[in-house]
Protein backbone atom coordinates (compact mmCIF):
# COMPACT_ATOMS: atom_id res chain seq x y z
CA UNK A 1 1.55 -31.01 -30.73
CA UNK A 2 4.68 -32.50 -29.18
CA UNK A 3 7.70 -31.10 -27.38
CA UNK A 4 11.33 -31.96 -26.75
CA UNK A 5 13.04 -31.36 -23.41
CA UNK A 6 16.85 -31.45 -23.15
CA UNK A 7 18.40 -31.63 -19.70
CA UNK A 8 21.83 -30.00 -19.43
CA UNK A 9 23.23 -31.43 -16.15
CA UNK A 10 25.88 -28.83 -15.27
CA UNK A 11 26.01 -25.75 -13.02
CA UNK A 12 28.77 -23.38 -11.90
CA UNK A 13 27.79 -23.84 -8.28
CA UNK A 14 25.10 -25.59 -6.23
CA UNK A 15 22.18 -23.46 -5.04
CA UNK A 16 21.37 -24.47 -1.47
CA UNK A 17 17.70 -25.30 -2.17
CA UNK A 18 18.06 -27.17 -5.50
CA UNK A 19 17.28 -30.88 -5.76
CA UNK A 20 17.45 -31.13 -9.57
CA UNK A 21 20.10 -33.35 -11.14
CA UNK A 22 23.33 -31.51 -11.93
CA UNK A 23 27.11 -31.55 -11.49
CA UNK A 24 29.38 -28.60 -10.75
CA UNK A 25 32.23 -30.36 -12.55
CA UNK A 26 32.48 -29.87 -16.31
CA UNK A 27 35.00 -32.65 -16.91
CA UNK A 28 32.32 -34.89 -18.49
CA UNK A 29 30.75 -32.12 -20.59
CA UNK A 30 32.24 -33.16 -23.94
CA UNK A 31 31.45 -36.83 -23.29
CA UNK A 32 27.90 -35.85 -22.32
CA UNK A 33 27.38 -33.93 -25.57
CA UNK A 34 28.54 -36.94 -27.58
CA UNK A 35 26.24 -39.22 -25.56
CA UNK A 36 23.33 -36.81 -26.05
CA UNK A 37 23.89 -37.01 -29.80
CA UNK A 38 23.72 -40.82 -29.55
CA UNK A 39 20.51 -40.63 -27.52
CA UNK A 40 18.95 -38.36 -30.15
CA UNK A 41 19.96 -40.89 -32.78
CA UNK A 42 18.52 -43.84 -30.83
CA UNK A 43 15.27 -42.19 -29.75
CA UNK A 44 14.56 -39.60 -32.43
CA UNK A 45 11.99 -41.82 -34.15
CA UNK A 46 9.74 -41.84 -31.06
CA UNK A 47 8.14 -38.58 -32.19
CA UNK A 48 7.96 -39.43 -35.89
CA UNK A 49 4.17 -39.33 -35.94
CA UNK A 50 3.95 -36.10 -33.95
CA UNK A 51 4.12 -32.46 -34.96
CA UNK A 52 6.91 -30.98 -32.83
CA UNK A 53 6.17 -27.42 -31.74
CA UNK A 54 8.51 -26.69 -28.83
CA UNK A 55 12.07 -27.37 -27.69
CA UNK A 56 13.17 -26.59 -24.14
CA UNK A 57 16.74 -26.54 -22.79
CA UNK A 58 16.53 -27.00 -19.01
CA UNK A 59 18.84 -28.09 -16.27
CA UNK A 60 21.11 -27.58 -14.55
CA UNK A 61 22.17 -24.45 -16.35
CA UNK A 62 21.93 -24.68 -20.17
CA UNK A 63 23.48 -21.23 -20.56
CA UNK A 64 26.73 -22.72 -19.28
CA UNK A 65 27.12 -24.17 -22.80
CA UNK A 66 28.47 -22.17 -25.73
CA UNK A 67 26.25 -21.09 -28.61
CA UNK A 68 28.13 -23.54 -30.85
CA UNK A 69 27.25 -26.40 -28.50
CA UNK A 70 23.58 -25.39 -28.41
CA UNK A 71 23.62 -25.07 -32.20
CA UNK A 72 25.16 -28.56 -32.45
CA UNK A 73 22.35 -30.07 -30.36
CA UNK A 74 19.70 -28.36 -32.50
CA UNK A 75 21.43 -29.59 -35.66
CA UNK A 76 21.44 -33.16 -34.31
CA UNK A 77 17.71 -32.90 -33.57
CA UNK A 78 17.04 -31.48 -37.01
CA UNK A 79 18.77 -34.44 -38.69
CA UNK A 80 16.57 -37.00 -36.97
CA UNK A 81 13.23 -35.24 -36.45
CA UNK A 82 10.86 -32.93 -38.31
CA UNK A 83 11.36 -29.49 -36.77
CA UNK A 84 9.81 -27.30 -39.44
CA UNK A 85 6.76 -26.60 -37.21
CA UNK A 86 8.78 -25.60 -34.13
CA UNK A 87 7.74 -22.12 -32.97
CA UNK A 88 9.26 -21.92 -29.47
CA UNK A 89 12.83 -22.77 -28.44
CA UNK A 90 13.51 -21.92 -24.80
CA UNK A 91 16.86 -21.70 -23.04
CA UNK A 92 17.11 -21.48 -19.25
CA UNK A 93 19.86 -19.05 -18.28
CA UNK A 94 21.56 -17.67 -15.20
CA UNK A 95 22.29 -13.91 -15.07
CA UNK A 96 26.04 -14.39 -14.60
CA UNK A 97 26.22 -16.18 -17.97
CA UNK A 98 24.62 -13.32 -19.89
CA UNK A 99 26.76 -11.27 -22.26
CA UNK A 100 25.77 -9.42 -25.41
CA UNK A 101 27.91 -11.49 -27.79
CA UNK A 102 27.02 -14.87 -26.28
CA UNK A 103 23.28 -14.27 -26.24
CA UNK A 104 23.29 -12.73 -29.68
CA UNK A 105 24.90 -15.97 -30.84
CA UNK A 106 22.17 -17.94 -29.04
CA UNK A 107 19.62 -15.91 -31.03
CA UNK A 108 21.35 -16.78 -34.28
CA UNK A 109 21.40 -20.45 -33.25
CA UNK A 110 17.60 -20.39 -32.99
CA UNK A 111 16.83 -19.58 -29.34
CA UNK A 112 13.76 -17.32 -29.33
CA UNK A 113 12.66 -17.56 -25.69
CA UNK A 114 14.73 -17.13 -22.52
CA UNK A 115 13.92 -18.22 -18.99
CA UNK A 116 16.15 -16.19 -16.69
CA UNK A 117 16.77 -17.44 -13.14
CA UNK A 118 16.81 -14.12 -11.31
CA UNK A 119 15.09 -15.44 -8.11
CA UNK A 120 15.60 -12.08 -6.37
CA UNK A 121 17.23 -8.68 -6.83
CA UNK A 122 18.31 -8.57 -3.17
CA UNK A 123 21.69 -9.72 -1.88
CA UNK A 124 20.31 -11.18 1.36
CA UNK A 125 18.06 -13.53 -0.61
CA UNK A 126 20.77 -14.48 -3.10
CA UNK A 127 23.24 -15.22 -0.31
CA UNK A 128 20.68 -17.34 1.59
CA UNK A 129 20.00 -19.39 -1.58
CA UNK A 130 23.71 -19.55 -2.49
CA UNK A 131 23.10 -18.14 -5.95
CA UNK A 132 26.10 -17.53 -8.23
CA UNK A 133 25.04 -14.04 -9.39
CA UNK A 134 24.63 -10.68 -7.67
CA UNK A 135 21.58 -8.42 -7.72
CA UNK A 136 23.38 -6.05 -10.09
CA UNK A 137 24.15 -8.90 -12.47
CA UNK A 138 20.44 -9.71 -12.52
CA UNK A 139 19.56 -6.19 -13.66
CA UNK A 140 22.43 -6.08 -16.15
CA UNK A 141 21.35 -9.41 -17.66
CA UNK A 142 17.85 -8.06 -18.30
CA UNK A 143 19.32 -4.90 -19.83
CA UNK A 144 21.49 -6.94 -22.22
CA UNK A 145 18.60 -9.19 -23.23
CA UNK A 146 16.40 -6.14 -23.73
CA UNK A 147 19.04 -4.56 -25.98
CA UNK A 148 19.21 -7.75 -28.05
CA UNK A 149 15.49 -7.57 -28.75
CA UNK A 150 14.39 -10.96 -27.46
CA UNK A 151 10.59 -10.90 -27.81
CA UNK A 152 9.75 -13.54 -25.20
CA UNK A 153 11.45 -13.44 -21.82
CA UNK A 154 10.45 -15.27 -18.66
CA UNK A 155 11.87 -14.46 -15.23
CA UNK A 156 11.96 -16.81 -12.23
CA UNK A 157 11.35 -15.36 -8.77
CA UNK A 158 11.37 -17.12 -5.40
CA UNK A 159 9.17 -15.94 -2.54
CA UNK A 160 8.86 -17.08 1.05
CA UNK A 161 12.55 -17.07 1.92
CA UNK A 162 13.21 -16.09 5.57
CA UNK A 163 15.25 -13.19 4.17
CA UNK A 164 12.47 -11.86 1.88
CA UNK A 165 10.31 -9.12 3.38
CA UNK A 166 7.03 -8.17 1.74
CA UNK A 167 8.63 -4.89 0.66
CA UNK A 168 11.50 -6.75 -1.01
CA UNK A 169 9.04 -8.98 -2.86
CA UNK A 170 7.09 -5.98 -4.19
CA UNK A 171 10.36 -4.38 -5.23
CA UNK A 172 11.31 -7.55 -7.15
CA UNK A 173 8.04 -7.33 -9.07
CA UNK A 174 8.54 -3.62 -9.78
CA UNK A 175 12.03 -4.22 -11.16
CA UNK A 176 10.82 -7.03 -13.43
CA UNK A 177 7.88 -4.95 -14.64
CA UNK A 178 10.25 -2.15 -15.68
CA UNK A 179 11.35 -4.34 -18.61
CA UNK A 180 8.56 -4.32 -21.16
CA UNK A 181 9.81 -7.42 -22.97
CA UNK A 182 9.51 -9.54 -19.81
CA UNK A 183 6.10 -10.99 -20.59
CA UNK A 184 6.20 -14.13 -18.47
CA UNK A 185 7.06 -14.84 -14.86
CA UNK A 186 7.41 -18.07 -12.88
CA UNK A 187 7.20 -17.75 -9.11
CA UNK A 188 8.01 -20.49 -6.63
CA UNK A 189 7.80 -20.73 -2.87
CA UNK A 190 11.17 -21.60 -1.39
CA UNK A 191 10.92 -25.30 -0.61
CA UNK A 192 13.29 -27.13 1.69
CA UNK A 193 13.82 -30.48 -0.02
CA UNK A 194 15.44 -33.51 1.56
CA UNK A 195 19.07 -34.15 0.65
CA UNK A 196 19.79 -30.49 -0.16
CA UNK A 197 22.43 -28.29 1.47
CA UNK A 198 19.67 -25.96 2.73
CA UNK A 199 17.98 -28.80 4.61
CA UNK A 200 21.27 -29.70 6.30
CA UNK A 201 22.08 -26.06 7.15
CA UNK A 202 18.66 -25.51 8.71
CA UNK A 203 18.99 -28.73 10.69
CA UNK A 204 22.34 -27.52 12.07
CA UNK A 205 20.87 -24.12 12.94
CA UNK A 206 23.03 -22.29 10.39
CA UNK A 207 20.08 -21.05 8.29
CA UNK A 208 16.64 -19.80 9.33
CA UNK A 209 13.66 -22.04 8.64
CA UNK A 210 10.95 -21.05 6.18
CA UNK A 211 7.67 -19.82 7.60
CA UNK A 212 4.46 -21.23 6.11
CA UNK A 213 2.34 -18.23 7.14
CA UNK A 214 4.80 -15.90 5.37
CA UNK A 215 4.74 -18.08 2.24
CA UNK A 216 0.94 -18.03 2.05
CA UNK A 217 0.86 -14.26 2.54
CA UNK A 218 3.55 -13.66 -0.09
CA UNK A 219 1.84 -15.99 -2.58
CA UNK A 220 -1.22 -13.76 -2.56
CA UNK A 221 0.82 -10.54 -2.39
CA UNK A 222 2.76 -11.61 -5.48
CA UNK A 223 -0.45 -12.54 -7.29
CA UNK A 224 -1.98 -9.15 -6.50
CA UNK A 225 1.08 -7.16 -7.55
CA UNK A 226 1.49 -9.04 -10.83
CA UNK A 227 -2.19 -8.79 -11.74
CA UNK A 228 -2.01 -5.02 -11.18
CA UNK A 229 0.63 -5.05 -13.91
CA UNK A 230 -1.50 -7.06 -16.39
CA UNK A 231 0.07 -10.46 -15.74
CA UNK A 232 -2.52 -13.25 -15.96
CA UNK A 233 -2.23 -16.01 -13.35
CA UNK A 234 -2.67 -18.99 -15.68
CA UNK A 235 -1.04 -21.72 -13.55
CA UNK A 236 -0.25 -21.85 -9.84
CA UNK A 237 3.40 -20.88 -10.40
CA UNK A 238 3.11 -19.06 -13.74
CA UNK A 239 1.97 -15.66 -14.99
CA UNK A 240 1.74 -14.41 -18.56
CA UNK A 241 1.33 -10.93 -20.00
CA UNK A 242 -0.36 -10.12 -23.33
CA UNK A 243 -1.52 -13.70 -23.81
CA UNK A 244 1.94 -15.15 -23.26
CA UNK A 245 2.13 -18.65 -21.82
CA UNK A 246 4.93 -21.18 -21.90
CA UNK A 247 3.76 -23.32 -24.81
CA UNK A 248 6.17 -26.06 -23.81
CA UNK A 249 5.02 -26.31 -20.19
CA UNK A 250 1.37 -25.93 -21.19
CA UNK A 251 1.74 -29.03 -23.35
CA UNK A 252 2.71 -30.94 -20.18
CA UNK A 253 -0.46 -29.76 -18.45
CA UNK A 254 -2.63 -30.85 -21.38
CA UNK A 255 -0.96 -34.28 -21.57
CA UNK A 256 0.61 -33.70 -24.97
CA UNK A 257 3.46 -36.10 -25.82
CA UNK A 258 7.03 -35.00 -25.15
CA UNK A 259 10.46 -36.56 -25.37
CA UNK A 260 13.00 -35.94 -22.63
CA UNK A 261 16.71 -36.23 -23.45
CA UNK A 262 19.69 -36.13 -21.10
CA UNK A 263 20.27 -37.48 -17.57
CA UNK A 264 17.14 -37.43 -15.33
CA UNK A 265 14.87 -36.23 -18.18
CA UNK A 266 11.30 -37.53 -18.31
CA UNK A 267 9.20 -38.41 -21.37
CA UNK A 268 5.48 -38.98 -21.89
CA UNK A 269 4.63 -41.05 -24.94
CA UNK A 270 1.45 -43.01 -25.65
CA UNK A 271 0.54 -43.34 -21.97
CA UNK A 272 4.07 -44.42 -21.12
CA UNK A 273 6.20 -42.48 -18.67
CA UNK A 274 9.93 -42.80 -19.30
CA UNK A 275 12.65 -41.57 -16.94
CA UNK A 276 16.32 -41.35 -17.80
CA UNK A 277 18.83 -42.32 -15.14
CA UNK A 278 20.08 -39.41 -13.04
CA UNK A 279 23.79 -40.16 -13.24
CA UNK A 280 26.04 -38.50 -15.81
CA UNK A 281 28.69 -41.23 -15.93
CA UNK A 282 26.19 -44.11 -16.21
CA UNK A 283 24.20 -42.16 -18.82
CA UNK A 284 27.35 -41.73 -20.93
CA UNK A 285 28.52 -45.33 -20.46
CA UNK A 286 25.17 -46.83 -21.47
CA UNK A 287 24.89 -44.69 -24.58
CA UNK A 288 28.46 -45.62 -25.55
CA UNK A 289 27.06 -49.17 -25.67
CA UNK A 290 24.05 -47.89 -27.66
CA UNK A 291 21.73 -48.71 -24.77
CA UNK A 292 18.85 -46.36 -23.90
CA UNK A 293 19.41 -45.13 -20.31
CA UNK A 294 15.81 -45.04 -19.11
CA UNK A 295 13.15 -46.76 -17.02
CA UNK A 296 9.60 -47.20 -18.27
CA UNK A 297 6.25 -47.05 -16.48
CA UNK A 298 2.92 -47.87 -18.12
CA UNK A 299 0.33 -45.54 -16.64
CA UNK A 300 -2.85 -47.21 -15.40
CA UNK A 301 -6.26 -45.54 -15.91
CA UNK A 302 -6.11 -44.51 -12.24
CA UNK A 303 -2.64 -42.96 -12.69
CA UNK A 304 -3.85 -41.03 -15.75
CA UNK A 305 -7.01 -39.81 -14.02
CA UNK A 306 -5.18 -38.65 -10.88
CA UNK A 307 -2.48 -36.96 -12.92
CA UNK A 308 -5.04 -35.14 -15.07
CA UNK A 309 -6.92 -33.89 -11.99
CA UNK A 310 -3.72 -32.74 -10.28
CA UNK A 311 -2.36 -30.86 -13.27
CA UNK A 312 -5.61 -29.43 -14.67
CA UNK A 313 -6.68 -28.03 -11.31
CA UNK A 314 -3.46 -26.00 -11.11
CA UNK A 315 -4.37 -24.08 -14.28
CA UNK A 316 -6.81 -21.23 -14.93
CA UNK A 317 -8.71 -23.58 -17.28
CA UNK A 318 -9.43 -26.07 -14.52
CA UNK A 319 -10.85 -29.58 -14.84
CA UNK A 320 -13.01 -30.17 -17.91
CA UNK A 321 -15.99 -32.25 -16.72
CA UNK A 322 -16.57 -33.42 -20.31
CA UNK A 323 -12.98 -34.71 -20.37
CA UNK A 324 -13.72 -36.79 -17.28
CA UNK A 325 -16.92 -38.12 -18.90
CA UNK A 326 -15.26 -39.14 -22.17
CA UNK A 327 -11.87 -40.32 -20.91
CA UNK A 328 -12.57 -41.64 -17.41
CA UNK A 329 -16.20 -42.84 -17.35
CA UNK A 330 -15.34 -45.43 -14.68
CA UNK A 331 -14.47 -42.61 -12.27
CA UNK A 332 -17.15 -40.10 -13.27
CA UNK A 333 -19.62 -40.90 -10.49
CA UNK A 334 -16.90 -40.68 -7.83
CA UNK A 335 -15.56 -37.44 -9.31
CA UNK A 336 -18.99 -35.79 -9.40
CA UNK A 337 -19.65 -36.75 -5.78
CA UNK A 338 -16.33 -35.45 -4.50
CA UNK A 339 -16.62 -32.34 -6.66
CA UNK A 340 -20.02 -31.50 -5.15
CA UNK A 341 -18.55 -31.59 -1.64
CA UNK A 342 -15.73 -29.25 -2.63
CA UNK A 343 -18.16 -26.91 -4.37
CA UNK A 344 -20.30 -26.78 -1.23
CA UNK A 345 -17.20 -26.08 0.89
CA UNK A 346 -16.23 -23.19 -1.40
CA UNK A 347 -12.92 -24.78 -2.33
CA UNK A 348 -14.02 -25.10 -5.96
CA UNK A 349 -16.35 -23.19 -8.27
CA UNK A 350 -17.82 -24.12 -11.62
CA UNK A 351 -17.92 -22.15 -14.87
CA UNK A 352 -19.84 -23.89 -17.65
CA UNK A 353 -18.28 -27.37 -17.67
CA UNK A 354 -15.01 -26.43 -16.02
CA UNK A 355 -14.23 -26.80 -12.32
CA UNK A 356 -11.68 -24.39 -10.87
CA UNK A 357 -10.03 -23.56 -7.58
CA UNK A 358 -11.44 -20.70 -5.55
CA UNK A 359 -9.00 -17.89 -4.86
CA UNK A 360 -8.68 -18.99 -1.23
CA UNK A 361 -7.79 -22.54 -2.30
CA UNK A 362 -5.10 -21.67 -4.85
CA UNK A 363 -2.29 -22.01 -2.34
CA UNK A 364 -3.58 -25.49 -1.41
CA UNK A 365 -4.05 -26.74 -4.99
CA UNK A 366 -2.36 -30.11 -4.51
CA UNK A 367 -4.27 -30.89 -1.30
CA UNK A 368 -7.61 -30.07 -2.95
CA UNK A 369 -6.70 -32.24 -5.93
CA UNK A 370 -5.95 -35.15 -3.61
CA UNK A 371 -9.57 -34.97 -2.41
CA UNK A 372 -10.56 -35.96 -5.96
CA UNK A 373 -8.00 -38.76 -6.34
CA UNK A 374 -8.93 -42.38 -6.81
CA UNK A 375 -6.95 -45.08 -4.99
CA UNK A 376 -5.14 -47.48 -7.31
């Protein structure tokens, strides 16, 4: 199965921690939508031999667009690709964009899954992160979506902020769990990325630094509280209830092909990694000339092996030893040797032919994976 990712590079305001590509100016929005249509036209054939199952509107803030604009993008995709097997169409949304009429129109346009960027229901957290919505708007957004009858709703939460006490984190989980149609949750530790406003504010002493010990503690507290409420921890940052997983994101983790459209979007096609330029004006200008605005990387066997190990180990399914044997025989001996050390150390455990992280190692998933990497 294949997926399509569409990056909408606009936001109302900049969150202090965000290092994704976006602009707070909408003056290029109409030009961007025209350019996106041209990109779909130029690149739509890349998935011709694939069954497309998922479409994901990310950003940025896709909910900043109107339902007519979202419908126009879906219509453009439908003209150039076979979408009759698509079962999941996700829209990322901010609470302050949610209204009954707008999100009912999104439903009619074909959106059947929402990913709502709540992050926290507490004003101290929202102020620290420079979010555009209030805690009350977060609750009201979930109430509206509940009333509309969306069957699949995901909520984003952030833990480990200097402003987030353990009690506040538990309260965030309780509030989310009150909405029965919220059946998926993504939880991220607050990360201070280079070249973000938060990094600069911390450096100038205007914001408190994050505390690693607090983040580790809250990772496990969040896991415990969500599992009490029947959420299954299926990937380091993701929890699903009643068998719900993000089909789109899961396809990334299983190395299914996907096409990324829009500035900064990535694609994975036939062992090629493609990355669109992260500049709205250049993206538009190149597509006006009918030039594809992307860079291409051919993944080496080492790249593919390391990437598989990194991604698979983050999931509840773990690393399939048979997959290593059949797809990376040149690295099998090395993998088995390194795996044995990590099993002996208790960082990994084995179930049938799958190797998984121990509970204690979950928070250090990427570091453990690096112990299995092969140098290129």
